[in-house]
Amino acid sequence: AWRSGGAARQPARLAAQTRALRTSPVALATQQFKLADIGEGITEVTVTEFFVKEGDMIKEMDNVCAVESDKASVELTSPYTGKVVKVFAKVSETVKVGSALIEVETAGGGGAAAEAP
């Protein structure tokens, strides 16, 4: 209850809070580009040519390498944009489906295929 004649009560004033937003550099992540199942029951391919080398900058959909099997010859494109930090396979090497071909350093953790299993 309020009493008349007394000093008016005022709500307690909260001290103004200031928060500084701490920023950090763009998070870099590395993504491995693995040989996907290219169909027709193919379980391994032979690398015939690489179009990238370690240190190269690549964009999503740039050609990475050419591979061939007894049934097909195809050029594989990158699902990532970034810097090639590691090339795992060599020309004339046989690579099994699921094996890493290259590793790409990407800003923020990867491209569209980053969520793919």
PDB file of N, CA and C in Angstrom:
ATOM      1  N   ALA A   1       0.842  -1.179   0.000  1.00  0.00           N
ATOM      2  CA  ALA A   1       0.000   0.000   0.000  1.00  0.00           C
ATOM      3  C   ALA A   1       0.878   1.229   0.000  1.00  0.00           C
ATOM      4  N   TRP A   2       0.409   2.243  -0.695  1.00  0.00           N
ATOM      5  CA  TRP A   2       1.151   3.494  -0.780  1.00  0.00           C
ATOM      6  C   TRP A   2       0.684   4.411   0.333  1.00  0.00           C
ATOM      7  N   ARG A   3       1.605   5.095   0.921  1.00  0.00           N
ATOM      8  CA  ARG A   3       1.221   6.073   1.954  1.00  0.00           C
ATOM      9  C   ARG A   3       1.288   7.452   1.355  1.00  0.00           C
ATOM     10  N   SER A   4       0.323   8.208   1.688  1.00  0.00           N
ATOM     11  CA  SER A   4       0.340   9.573   1.174  1.00  0.00           C
ATOM     12  C   SER A   4       1.345  10.397   1.956  1.00  0.00           C
ATOM     13  N   GLY A   5       1.906  11.381   1.292  1.00  0.00           N
ATOM     14  CA  GLY A   5       2.835  12.291   1.932  1.00  0.00           C
ATOM     15  C   GLY A   5       4.261  11.776   1.960  1.00  0.00           C
ATOM     16  N   GLY A   6       4.453  10.499   1.661  1.00  0.00           N
ATOM     17  CA  GLY A   6       5.811   9.961   1.671  1.00  0.00           C
ATOM     18  C   GLY A   6       6.482  10.208   0.336  1.00  0.00           C
ATOM     19  N   ALA A   7       7.720   9.909   0.282  1.00  0.00           N
ATOM     20  CA  ALA A   7       8.446  10.061  -0.985  1.00  0.00           C
ATOM     21  C   ALA A   7       7.907   9.043  -1.974  1.00  0.00           C
ATOM     22  N   ALA A   8       7.707   9.488  -3.172  1.00  0.00           N
ATOM     23  CA  ALA A   8       7.184   8.589  -4.199  1.00  0.00           C
ATOM     24  C   ALA A   8       8.201   7.488  -4.472  1.00  0.00           C
ATOM     25  N   ARG A   9       7.702   6.305  -4.553  1.00  0.00           N
ATOM     26  CA  ARG A   9       8.595   5.190  -4.847  1.00  0.00           C
ATOM     27  C   ARG A   9       8.836   5.128  -6.350  1.00  0.00           C
ATOM     28  N   GLN A  10      10.027   4.856  -6.660  1.00  0.00           N
ATOM     29  CA  GLN A  10      10.385   4.734  -8.061  1.00  0.00           C
ATOM     30  C   GLN A  10      10.920   3.315  -8.275  1.00  0.00           C
ATOM     31  N   PRO A  11      10.626   2.755  -9.404  1.00  0.00           N
ATOM     32  CA  PRO A  11      11.155   1.417  -9.656  1.00  0.00           C
ATOM     33  C   PRO A  11      12.681   1.465  -9.701  1.00  0.00           C
ATOM     34  N   ALA A  12      13.269   0.424  -9.246  1.00  0.00           N
ATOM     35  CA  ALA A  12      14.739   0.375  -9.271  1.00  0.00           C
ATOM     36  C   ALA A  12      15.206   0.474 -10.719  1.00  0.00           C
ATOM     37  N   ARG A  13      16.177   1.288 -10.934  1.00  0.00           N
ATOM     38  CA  ARG A  13      16.706   1.454 -12.295  1.00  0.00           C
ATOM     39  C   ARG A  13      17.798   0.416 -12.515  1.00  0.00           C
ATOM     40  N   LEU A  14      17.701  -0.243 -13.639  1.00  0.00           N
ATOM     41  CA  LEU A  14      18.720  -1.230 -13.981  1.00  0.00           C
ATOM     42  C   LEU A  14      19.869  -0.521 -14.669  1.00  0.00           C
ATOM     43  N   ALA A  15      21.049  -0.896 -14.284  1.00  0.00           N
ATOM     44  CA  ALA A  15      22.221  -0.323 -14.953  1.00  0.00           C
ATOM     45  C   ALA A  15      22.202  -0.785 -16.409  1.00  0.00           C
ATOM     46  N   ALA A  16      22.509   0.118 -17.291  1.00  0.00           N
ATOM     47  CA  ALA A  16      22.533  -0.229 -18.712  1.00  0.00           C
ATOM     48  C   ALA A  16      23.596  -1.284 -18.946  1.00  0.00           C
ATOM     49  N   GLN A  17      23.212  -2.327 -19.636  1.00  0.00           N
ATOM     50  CA  GLN A  17      24.168  -3.383 -19.924  1.00  0.00           C
ATOM     51  C   GLN A  17      24.700  -3.198 -21.330  1.00  0.00           C
ATOM     52  N   THR A  18      25.961  -3.331 -21.449  1.00  0.00           N
ATOM     53  CA  THR A  18      26.588  -3.241 -22.752  1.00  0.00           C
ATOM     54  C   THR A  18      27.285  -4.558 -23.022  1.00  0.00           C
ATOM     55  N   ARG A  19      27.024  -5.099 -24.173  1.00  0.00           N
ATOM     56  CA  ARG A  19      27.694  -6.339 -24.531  1.00  0.00           C
ATOM     57  C   ARG A  19      28.467  -6.116 -25.810  1.00  0.00           C
ATOM     58  N   ALA A  20      29.697  -6.531 -25.776  1.00  0.00           N
ATOM     59  CA  ALA A  20      30.514  -6.428 -26.982  1.00  0.00           C
ATOM     60  C   ALA A  20      30.414  -7.748 -27.732  1.00  0.00           C
ATOM     61  N   LEU A  21      30.206  -7.657 -29.013  1.00  0.00           N
ATOM     62  CA  LEU A  21      30.147  -8.841 -29.845  1.00  0.00           C
ATOM     63  C   LEU A  21      31.567  -9.168 -30.273  1.00  0.00           C
ATOM     64  N   ARG A  22      31.996 -10.346 -29.888  1.00  0.00           N
ATOM     65  CA  ARG A  22      33.360 -10.733 -30.245  1.00  0.00           C
ATOM     66  C   ARG A  22      33.318 -11.423 -31.600  1.00  0.00           C
ATOM     67  N   THR A  23      34.111 -10.939 -32.512  1.00  0.00           N
ATOM     68  CA  THR A  23      34.136 -11.548 -33.836  1.00  0.00           C
ATOM     69  C   THR A  23      35.406 -12.361 -33.978  1.00  0.00           C
ATOM     70  N   SER A  24      35.323 -13.352 -34.799  1.00  0.00           N
ATOM     71  CA  SER A  24      36.487 -14.184 -35.053  1.00  0.00           C
ATOM     72  C   SER A  24      36.623 -14.343 -36.558  1.00  0.00           C
ATOM     73  N   PRO A  25      37.793 -14.766 -36.991  1.00  0.00           N
ATOM     74  CA  PRO A  25      37.976 -14.948 -38.430  1.00  0.00           C
ATOM     75  C   PRO A  25      37.005 -16.001 -38.962  1.00  0.00           C
ATOM     76  N   VAL A  26      36.798 -15.989 -40.256  1.00  0.00           N
ATOM     77  CA  VAL A  26      35.909 -16.960 -40.884  1.00  0.00           C
ATOM     78  C   VAL A  26      36.412 -18.356 -40.544  1.00  0.00           C
ATOM     79  N   ALA A  27      35.515 -19.192 -40.098  1.00  0.00           N
ATOM     80  CA  ALA A  27      35.900 -20.559 -39.757  1.00  0.00           C
ATOM     81  C   ALA A  27      36.223 -21.321 -41.032  1.00  0.00           C
ATOM     82  N   LEU A  28      37.375 -21.952 -41.044  1.00  0.00           N
ATOM     83  CA  LEU A  28      37.757 -22.754 -42.190  1.00  0.00           C
ATOM     84  C   LEU A  28      37.589 -24.217 -41.829  1.00  0.00           C
ATOM     85  N   ALA A  29      37.139 -24.968 -42.777  1.00  0.00           N
ATOM     86  CA  ALA A  29      36.984 -26.399 -42.570  1.00  0.00           C
ATOM     87  C   ALA A  29      37.544 -27.108 -43.787  1.00  0.00           C
ATOM     88  N   THR A  30      37.930 -28.336 -43.600  1.00  0.00           N
ATOM     89  CA  THR A  30      38.377 -29.099 -44.758  1.00  0.00           C
ATOM     90  C   THR A  30      37.340 -30.161 -45.077  1.00  0.00           C
ATOM     91  N   GLN A  31      37.109 -30.326 -46.348  1.00  0.00           N
ATOM     92  CA  GLN A  31      36.136 -31.297 -46.838  1.00  0.00           C
ATOM     93  C   GLN A  31      36.855 -32.271 -47.760  1.00  0.00           C
ATOM     94  N   GLN A  32      36.616 -33.540 -47.567  1.00  0.00           N
ATOM     95  CA  GLN A  32      37.183 -34.525 -48.476  1.00  0.00           C
ATOM     96  C   GLN A  32      36.199 -34.790 -49.604  1.00  0.00           C
ATOM     97  N   PHE A  33      36.712 -34.744 -50.818  1.00  0.00           N
ATOM     98  CA  PHE A  33      35.919 -35.099 -51.991  1.00  0.00           C
ATOM     99  C   PHE A  33      36.231 -36.561 -52.281  1.00  0.00           C
ATOM    100  N   LYS A  34      35.221 -37.396 -52.067  1.00  0.00           N
ATOM    101  CA  LYS A  34      35.407 -38.834 -52.222  1.00  0.00           C
ATOM    102  C   LYS A  34      34.801 -39.314 -53.532  1.00  0.00           C
ATOM    103  N   LEU A  35      35.378 -40.373 -54.054  1.00  0.00           N
ATOM    104  CA  LEU A  35      34.856 -40.964 -55.279  1.00  0.00           C
ATOM    105  C   LEU A  35      33.480 -41.538 -54.997  1.00  0.00           C
ATOM    106  N   ALA A  36      32.494 -40.982 -55.648  1.00  0.00           N
ATOM    107  CA  ALA A  36      31.113 -41.431 -55.467  1.00  0.00           C
ATOM    108  C   ALA A  36      30.838 -42.616 -56.377  1.00  0.00           C
ATOM    109  N   ASP A  37      29.771 -43.306 -56.090  1.00  0.00           N
ATOM    110  CA  ASP A  37      29.328 -44.398 -56.949  1.00  0.00           C
ATOM    111  C   ASP A  37      28.890 -43.778 -58.269  1.00  0.00           C
ATOM    112  N   ILE A  38      29.567 -44.114 -59.355  1.00  0.00           N
ATOM    113  CA  ILE A  38      29.215 -43.507 -60.642  1.00  0.00           C
ATOM    114  C   ILE A  38      28.287 -44.405 -61.460  1.00  0.00           C
ATOM    115  N   GLY A  39      27.770 -45.449 -60.818  1.00  0.00           N
ATOM    116  CA  GLY A  39      26.740 -46.270 -61.435  1.00  0.00           C
ATOM    117  C   GLY A  39      27.272 -47.507 -62.147  1.00  0.00           C
ATOM    118  N   GLU A  40      26.337 -48.263 -62.709  1.00  0.00           N
ATOM    119  CA  GLU A  40      26.615 -49.456 -63.502  1.00  0.00           C
ATOM    120  C   GLU A  40      27.433 -50.500 -62.747  1.00  0.00           C
ATOM    121  N   GLY A  41      27.329 -50.509 -61.417  1.00  0.00           N
ATOM    122  CA  GLY A  41      28.030 -51.510 -60.625  1.00  0.00           C
ATOM    123  C   GLY A  41      29.529 -51.306 -60.534  1.00  0.00           C
ATOM    124  N   ILE A  42      29.997 -50.124 -60.913  1.00  0.00           N
ATOM    125  CA  ILE A  42      31.439 -49.839 -60.888  1.00  0.00           C
ATOM    126  C   ILE A  42      31.883 -49.677 -59.435  1.00  0.00           C
ATOM    127  N   THR A  43      32.909 -50.413 -59.033  1.00  0.00           N
ATOM    128  CA  THR A  43      33.403 -50.341 -57.657  1.00  0.00           C
ATOM    129  C   THR A  43      34.765 -49.673 -57.555  1.00  0.00           C
ATOM    130  N   GLU A  44      35.451 -49.539 -58.688  1.00  0.00           N
ATOM    131  CA  GLU A  44      36.744 -48.856 -58.704  1.00  0.00           C
ATOM    132  C   GLU A  44      36.998 -48.286 -60.091  1.00  0.00           C
ATOM    133  N   VAL A  45      37.844 -47.265 -60.123  1.00  0.00           N
ATOM    134  CA  VAL A  45      38.211 -46.611 -61.382  1.00  0.00           C
ATOM    135  C   VAL A  45      39.710 -46.348 -61.377  1.00  0.00           C
ATOM    136  N   THR A  46      40.226 -46.021 -62.546  1.00  0.00           N
ATOM    137  CA  THR A  46      41.624 -45.617 -62.667  1.00  0.00           C
ATOM    138  C   THR A  46      41.656 -44.127 -62.955  1.00  0.00           C
ATOM    139  N   VAL A  47      42.461 -43.383 -62.192  1.00  0.00           N
ATOM    140  CA  VAL A  47      42.619 -41.946 -62.426  1.00  0.00           C
ATOM    141  C   VAL A  47      43.473 -41.782 -63.674  1.00  0.00           C
ATOM    142  N   THR A  48      42.938 -41.063 -64.677  1.00  0.00           N
ATOM    143  CA  THR A  48      43.694 -40.860 -65.907  1.00  0.00           C
ATOM    144  C   THR A  48      44.327 -39.477 -65.986  1.00  0.00           C
ATOM    145  N   GLU A  49      43.765 -38.508 -65.251  1.00  0.00           N
ATOM    146  CA  GLU A  49      44.320 -37.145 -65.280  1.00  0.00           C
ATOM    147  C   GLU A  49      43.790 -36.348 -64.093  1.00  0.00           C
ATOM    148  N   PHE A  50      44.649 -35.512 -63.522  1.00  0.00           N
ATOM    149  CA  PHE A  50      44.206 -34.549 -62.506  1.00  0.00           C
ATOM    150  C   PHE A  50      44.260 -33.163 -63.113  1.00  0.00           C
ATOM    151  N   PHE A  51      43.221 -32.373 -62.874  1.00  0.00           N
ATOM    152  CA  PHE A  51      43.173 -30.996 -63.372  1.00  0.00           C
ATOM    153  C   PHE A  51      43.542 -29.997 -62.282  1.00  0.00           C
ATOM    154  N   VAL A  52      43.754 -30.478 -61.053  1.00  0.00           N
ATOM    155  CA  VAL A  52      44.110 -29.610 -59.932  1.00  0.00           C
ATOM    156  C   VAL A  52      45.357 -30.176 -59.241  1.00  0.00           C
ATOM    157  N   LYS A  53      46.023 -29.305 -58.493  1.00  0.00           N
ATOM    158  CA  LYS A  53      47.152 -29.736 -57.669  1.00  0.00           C
ATOM    159  C   LYS A  53      47.040 -29.045 -56.325  1.00  0.00           C
ATOM    160  N   GLU A  54      47.819 -29.503 -55.356  1.00  0.00           N
ATOM    161  CA  GLU A  54      47.782 -28.900 -54.027  1.00  0.00           C
ATOM    162  C   GLU A  54      48.118 -27.419 -54.123  1.00  0.00           C
ATOM    163  N   GLY A  55      47.328 -26.598 -53.437  1.00  0.00           N
ATOM    164  CA  GLY A  55      47.520 -25.151 -53.445  1.00  0.00           C
ATOM    165  C   GLY A  55      46.611 -24.423 -54.419  1.00  0.00           C
ATOM    166  N   ASP A  56      46.005 -25.153 -55.354  1.00  0.00           N
ATOM    167  CA  ASP A  56      45.099 -24.527 -56.330  1.00  0.00           C
ATOM    168  C   ASP A  56      43.799 -24.082 -55.657  1.00  0.00           C
ATOM    169  N   MET A  57      43.236 -22.985 -56.144  1.00  0.00           N
ATOM    170  CA  MET A  57      41.899 -22.555 -55.735  1.00  0.00           C
ATOM    171  C   MET A  57      40.916 -23.129 -56.751  1.00  0.00           C
ATOM    172  N   ILE A  58      39.840 -23.738 -56.238  1.00  0.00           N
ATOM    173  CA  ILE A  58      38.830 -24.292 -57.131  1.00  0.00           C
ATOM    174  C   ILE A  58      37.460 -23.791 -56.727  1.00  0.00           C
ATOM    175  N   LYS A  59      36.538 -23.867 -57.668  1.00  0.00           N
ATOM    176  CA  LYS A  59      35.153 -23.484 -57.413  1.00  0.00           C
ATOM    177  C   LYS A  59      34.280 -24.711 -57.593  1.00  0.00           C
ATOM    178  N   GLU A  60      33.112 -24.655 -56.968  1.00  0.00           N
ATOM    179  CA  GLU A  60      32.141 -25.720 -57.153  1.00  0.00           C
ATOM    180  C   GLU A  60      31.900 -25.912 -58.649  1.00  0.00           C
ATOM    181  N   MET A  61      31.888 -27.135 -59.087  1.00  0.00           N
ATOM    182  CA  MET A  61      31.670 -27.547 -60.478  1.00  0.00           C
ATOM    183  C   MET A  61      32.916 -27.451 -61.360  1.00  0.00           C
ATOM    184  N   ASP A  62      34.077 -27.053 -60.800  1.00  0.00           N
ATOM    185  CA  ASP A  62      35.324 -27.121 -61.579  1.00  0.00           C
ATOM    186  C   ASP A  62      35.724 -28.585 -61.742  1.00  0.00           C
ATOM    187  N   ASN A  63      36.326 -28.914 -62.871  1.00  0.00           N
ATOM    188  CA  ASN A  63      36.808 -30.276 -63.077  1.00  0.00           C
ATOM    189  C   ASN A  63      37.955 -30.573 -62.118  1.00  0.00           C
ATOM    190  N   VAL A  64      37.901 -31.730 -61.488  1.00  0.00           N
ATOM    191  CA  VAL A  64      38.954 -32.161 -60.553  1.00  0.00           C
ATOM    192  C   VAL A  64      39.859 -33.177 -61.221  1.00  0.00           C
ATOM    193  N   CYS A  65      39.249 -34.225 -61.783  1.00  0.00           N
ATOM    194  CA  CYS A  65      40.054 -35.265 -62.399  1.00  0.00           C
ATOM    195  C   CYS A  65      39.223 -36.033 -63.421  1.00  0.00           C
ATOM    196  N   ALA A  66      39.932 -36.806 -64.228  1.00  0.00           N
ATOM    197  CA  ALA A  66      39.284 -37.723 -65.165  1.00  0.00           C
ATOM    198  C   ALA A  66      39.568 -39.133 -64.674  1.00  0.00           C
ATOM    199  N   VAL A  67      38.546 -39.966 -64.729  1.00  0.00           N
ATOM    200  CA  VAL A  67      38.700 -41.358 -64.315  1.00  0.00           C
ATOM    201  C   VAL A  67      38.062 -42.247 -65.374  1.00  0.00           C
ATOM    202  N   GLU A  68      38.513 -43.507 -65.398  1.00  0.00           N
ATOM    203  CA  GLU A  68      37.886 -44.447 -66.324  1.00  0.00           C
ATOM    204  C   GLU A  68      37.788 -45.815 -65.676  1.00  0.00           C
ATOM    205  N   SER A  69      36.802 -46.539 -66.139  1.00  0.00           N
ATOM    206  CA  SER A  69      36.622 -47.926 -65.735  1.00  0.00           C
ATOM    207  C   SER A  69      36.516 -48.728 -67.024  1.00  0.00           C
ATOM    208  N   ASP A  70      36.218 -50.000 -66.890  1.00  0.00           N
ATOM    209  CA  ASP A  70      36.036 -50.803 -68.098  1.00  0.00           C
ATOM    210  C   ASP A  70      34.744 -50.425 -68.828  1.00  0.00           C
ATOM    211  N   LYS A  71      33.866 -49.666 -68.165  1.00  0.00           N
ATOM    212  CA  LYS A  71      32.571 -49.313 -68.761  1.00  0.00           C
ATOM    213  C   LYS A  71      32.415 -47.842 -69.126  1.00  0.00           C
ATOM    214  N   ALA A  72      33.190 -46.951 -68.484  1.00  0.00           N
ATOM    215  CA  ALA A  72      32.967 -45.520 -68.705  1.00  0.00           C
ATOM    216  C   ALA A  72      34.236 -44.719 -68.468  1.00  0.00           C
ATOM    217  N   SER A  73      34.254 -43.538 -69.067  1.00  0.00           N
ATOM    218  CA  SER A  73      35.325 -42.571 -68.840  1.00  0.00           C
ATOM    219  C   SER A  73      34.633 -41.244 -68.524  1.00  0.00           C
ATOM    220  N   VAL A  74      34.881 -40.690 -67.329  1.00  0.00           N
ATOM    221  CA  VAL A  74      34.175 -39.475 -66.914  1.00  0.00           C
ATOM    222  C   VAL A  74      35.122 -38.482 -66.263  1.00  0.00           C
ATOM    223  N   GLU A  75      34.709 -37.213 -66.300  1.00  0.00           N
ATOM    224  CA  GLU A  75      35.412 -36.158 -65.573  1.00  0.00           C
ATOM    225  C   GLU A  75      34.591 -35.835 -64.339  1.00  0.00           C
ATOM    226  N   LEU A  76      35.248 -35.790 -63.188  1.00  0.00           N
ATOM    227  CA  LEU A  76      34.562 -35.513 -61.929  1.00  0.00           C
ATOM    228  C   LEU A  76      34.722 -34.038 -61.580  1.00  0.00           C
ATOM    229  N   THR A  77      33.632 -33.429 -61.108  1.00  0.00           N
ATOM    230  CA  THR A  77      33.664 -32.011 -60.745  1.00  0.00           C
ATOM    231  C   THR A  77      33.584 -31.852 -59.237  1.00  0.00           C
ATOM    232  N   SER A  78      34.117 -30.747 -58.755  1.00  0.00           N
ATOM    233  CA  SER A  78      34.180 -30.484 -57.320  1.00  0.00           C
ATOM    234  C   SER A  78      32.831 -30.057 -56.766  1.00  0.00           C
ATOM    235  N   PRO A  79      32.446 -30.623 -55.622  1.00  0.00           N
ATOM    236  CA  PRO A  79      31.249 -30.141 -54.947  1.00  0.00           C
ATOM    237  C   PRO A  79      31.548 -28.956 -54.032  1.00  0.00           C
ATOM    238  N   TYR A  80      32.822 -28.554 -53.942  1.00  0.00           N
ATOM    239  CA  TYR A  80      33.246 -27.510 -53.004  1.00  0.00           C
ATOM    240  C   TYR A  80      33.959 -26.368 -53.711  1.00  0.00           C
ATOM    241  N   THR A  81      33.946 -25.203 -53.049  1.00  0.00           N
ATOM    242  CA  THR A  81      34.743 -24.058 -53.460  1.00  0.00           C
ATOM    243  C   THR A  81      35.779 -23.837 -52.374  1.00  0.00           C
ATOM    244  N   GLY A  82      37.030 -23.687 -52.756  1.00  0.00           N
ATOM    245  CA  GLY A  82      38.078 -23.463 -51.761  1.00  0.00           C
ATOM    246  C   GLY A  82      39.453 -23.771 -52.309  1.00  0.00           C
ATOM    247  N   LYS A  83      40.356 -24.096 -51.395  1.00  0.00           N
ATOM    248  CA  LYS A  83      41.757 -24.350 -51.739  1.00  0.00           C
ATOM    249  C   LYS A  83      42.051 -25.835 -51.603  1.00  0.00           C
ATOM    250  N   VAL A  84      42.640 -26.407 -52.639  1.00  0.00           N
ATOM    251  CA  VAL A  84      43.027 -27.818 -52.593  1.00  0.00           C
ATOM    252  C   VAL A  84      44.225 -27.938 -51.649  1.00  0.00           C
ATOM    253  N   VAL A  85      44.052 -28.653 -50.548  1.00  0.00           N
ATOM    254  CA  VAL A  85      45.145 -28.787 -49.577  1.00  0.00           C
ATOM    255  C   VAL A  85      45.819 -30.149 -49.654  1.00  0.00           C
ATOM    256  N   LYS A  86      45.151 -31.114 -50.265  1.00  0.00           N
ATOM    257  CA  LYS A  86      45.747 -32.448 -50.371  1.00  0.00           C
ATOM    258  C   LYS A  86      45.154 -33.168 -51.567  1.00  0.00           C
ATOM    259  N   VAL A  87      46.036 -33.813 -52.344  1.00  0.00           N
ATOM    260  CA  VAL A  87      45.610 -34.702 -53.423  1.00  0.00           C
ATOM    261  C   VAL A  87      46.006 -36.103 -52.986  1.00  0.00           C
ATOM    262  N   PHE A  88      45.017 -36.980 -52.833  1.00  0.00           N
ATOM    263  CA  PHE A  88      45.277 -38.314 -52.295  1.00  0.00           C
ATOM    264  C   PHE A  88      45.673 -39.333 -53.356  1.00  0.00           C
ATOM    265  N   ALA A  89      45.052 -39.263 -54.525  1.00  0.00           N
ATOM    266  CA  ALA A  89      45.305 -40.255 -55.566  1.00  0.00           C
ATOM    267  C   ALA A  89      46.363 -39.739 -56.536  1.00  0.00           C
ATOM    268  N   LYS A  90      46.917 -40.664 -57.299  1.00  0.00           N
ATOM    269  CA  LYS A  90      47.906 -40.319 -58.327  1.00  0.00           C
ATOM    270  C   LYS A  90      47.374 -40.811 -59.681  1.00  0.00           C
ATOM    271  N   VAL A  91      47.873 -40.189 -60.743  1.00  0.00           N
ATOM    272  CA  VAL A  91      47.492 -40.609 -62.083  1.00  0.00           C
ATOM    273  C   VAL A  91      47.902 -42.073 -62.261  1.00  0.00           C
ATOM    274  N   SER A  92      47.062 -42.850 -62.910  1.00  0.00           N
ATOM    275  CA  SER A  92      47.224 -44.287 -63.168  1.00  0.00           C
ATOM    276  C   SER A  92      46.924 -45.157 -61.954  1.00  0.00           C
ATOM    277  N   GLU A  93      46.567 -44.540 -60.833  1.00  0.00           N
ATOM    278  CA  GLU A  93      46.237 -45.300 -59.632  1.00  0.00           C
ATOM    279  C   GLU A  93      44.786 -45.768 -59.697  1.00  0.00           C
ATOM    280  N   THR A  94      44.548 -46.967 -59.180  1.00  0.00           N
ATOM    281  CA  THR A  94      43.185 -47.487 -59.077  1.00  0.00           C
ATOM    282  C   THR A  94      42.603 -47.025 -57.747  1.00  0.00           C
ATOM    283  N   VAL A  95      41.393 -46.430 -57.816  1.00  0.00           N
ATOM    284  CA  VAL A  95      40.751 -45.860 -56.632  1.00  0.00           C
ATOM    285  C   VAL A  95      39.392 -46.527 -56.445  1.00  0.00           C
ATOM    286  N   LYS A  96      39.105 -46.955 -55.239  1.00  0.00           N
ATOM    287  CA  LYS A  96      37.823 -47.596 -54.933  1.00  0.00           C
ATOM    288  C   LYS A  96      36.768 -46.541 -54.594  1.00  0.00           C
ATOM    289  N   VAL A  97      35.503 -46.855 -54.902  1.00  0.00           N
ATOM    290  CA  VAL A  97      34.388 -45.987 -54.549  1.00  0.00           C
ATOM    291  C   VAL A  97      34.434 -45.729 -53.039  1.00  0.00           C
ATOM    292  N   GLY A  98      34.292 -44.459 -52.647  1.00  0.00           N
ATOM    293  CA  GLY A  98      34.338 -44.073 -51.238  1.00  0.00           C
ATOM    294  C   GLY A  98      35.699 -43.573 -50.795  1.00  0.00           C
ATOM    295  N   SER A  99      36.730 -43.762 -51.626  1.00  0.00           N
ATOM    296  CA  SER A  99      38.072 -43.278 -51.283  1.00  0.00           C
ATOM    297  C   SER A  99      38.174 -41.782 -51.560  1.00  0.00           C
ATOM    298  N   ALA A 100      38.956 -41.088 -50.731  1.00  0.00           N
ATOM    299  CA  ALA A 100      39.150 -39.650 -50.918  1.00  0.00           C
ATOM    300  C   ALA A 100      40.043 -39.396 -52.124  1.00  0.00           C
ATOM    301  N   LEU A 101      39.628 -38.434 -52.954  1.00  0.00           N
ATOM    302  CA  LEU A 101      40.443 -38.015 -54.091  1.00  0.00           C
ATOM    303  C   LEU A 101      41.259 -36.782 -53.730  1.00  0.00           C
ATOM    304  N   ILE A 102      40.565 -35.755 -53.176  1.00  0.00           N
ATOM    305  CA  ILE A 102      41.236 -34.524 -52.761  1.00  0.00           C
ATOM    306  C   ILE A 102      40.616 -34.032 -51.461  1.00  0.00           C
ATOM    307  N   GLU A 103      41.324 -33.114 -50.811  1.00  0.00           N
ATOM    308  CA  GLU A 103      40.791 -32.435 -49.631  1.00  0.00           C
ATOM    309  C   GLU A 103      40.814 -30.942 -49.927  1.00  0.00           C
ATOM    310  N   VAL A 104      39.684 -30.277 -49.647  1.00  0.00           N
ATOM    311  CA  VAL A 104      39.520 -28.863 -49.973  1.00  0.00           C
ATOM    312  C   VAL A 104      39.254 -28.081 -48.694  1.00  0.00           C
ATOM    313  N   GLU A 105      40.007 -26.995 -48.501  1.00  0.00           N
ATOM    314  CA  GLU A 105      39.764 -26.094 -47.371  1.00  0.00           C
ATOM    315  C   GLU A 105      38.689 -25.103 -47.800  1.00  0.00           C
ATOM    316  N   THR A 106      37.568 -25.131 -47.087  1.00  0.00           N
ATOM    317  CA  THR A 106      36.430 -24.296 -47.454  1.00  0.00           C
ATOM    318  C   THR A 106      36.131 -23.300 -46.350  1.00  0.00           C
ATOM    319  N   ALA A 107      35.556 -22.164 -46.706  1.00  0.00           N
ATOM    320  CA  ALA A 107      35.142 -21.179 -45.713  1.00  0.00           C
ATOM    321  C   ALA A 107      33.805 -21.605 -45.148  1.00  0.00           C
ATOM    322  N   GLY A 108      33.708 -21.680 -43.837  1.00  0.00           N
ATOM    323  CA  GLY A 108      32.438 -21.963 -43.185  1.00  0.00           C
ATOM    324  C   GLY A 108      31.995 -23.415 -43.253  1.00  0.00           C
ATOM    325  N   GLY A 109      32.805 -24.316 -43.723  1.00  0.00           N
ATOM    326  CA  GLY A 109      32.459 -25.711 -43.595  1.00  0.00           C
ATOM    327  C   GLY A 109      31.928 -26.404 -44.822  1.00  0.00           C
ATOM    328  N   GLY A 110      31.966 -25.815 -45.975  1.00  0.00           N
ATOM    329  CA  GLY A 110      31.704 -26.623 -47.150  1.00  0.00           C
ATOM    330  C   GLY A 110      30.544 -26.199 -48.000  1.00  0.00           C
ATOM    331  N   GLY A 111      30.455 -26.856 -49.107  1.00  0.00           N
ATOM    332  CA  GLY A 111      29.461 -26.549 -50.116  1.00  0.00           C
ATOM    333  C   GLY A 111      28.221 -27.397 -49.960  1.00  0.00           C
ATOM    334  N   ALA A 112      27.500 -27.516 -51.053  1.00  0.00           N
ATOM    335  CA  ALA A 112      26.212 -28.206 -51.033  1.00  0.00           C
ATOM    336  C   ALA A 112      26.347 -29.652 -50.603  1.00  0.00           C
ATOM    337  N   ALA A 113      27.450 -30.288 -50.948  1.00  0.00           N
ATOM    338  CA  ALA A 113      27.605 -31.697 -50.624  1.00  0.00           C
ATOM    339  C   ALA A 113      28.087 -31.934 -49.194  1.00  0.00           C
ATOM    340  N   ALA A 114      28.273 -30.896 -48.449  1.00  0.00           N
ATOM    341  CA  ALA A 114      28.777 -31.044 -47.079  1.00  0.00           C
ATOM    342  C   ALA A 114      27.833 -31.876 -46.224  1.00  0.00           C
ATOM    343  N   GLU A 115      26.527 -31.821 -46.500  1.00  0.00           N
ATOM    344  CA  GLU A 115      25.561 -32.560 -45.712  1.00  0.00           C
ATOM    345  C   GLU A 115      25.352 -33.978 -46.227  1.00  0.00           C
ATOM    346  N   ALA A 116      25.870 -34.273 -47.413  1.00  0.00           N
ATOM    347  CA  ALA A 116      25.642 -35.590 -48.002  1.00  0.00           C
ATOM    348  C   ALA A 116      26.377 -36.654 -47.209  1.00  0.00           C
ATOM    349  N   PRO A 117      25.812 -37.835 -47.123  1.00  0.00           N
ATOM    350  CA  PRO A 117      26.470 -38.916 -46.372  1.00  0.00           C
ATOM    351  C   PRO A 117      27.713 -39.409 -47.055  1.00  0.00           C
TER     352      PRO A 117
END
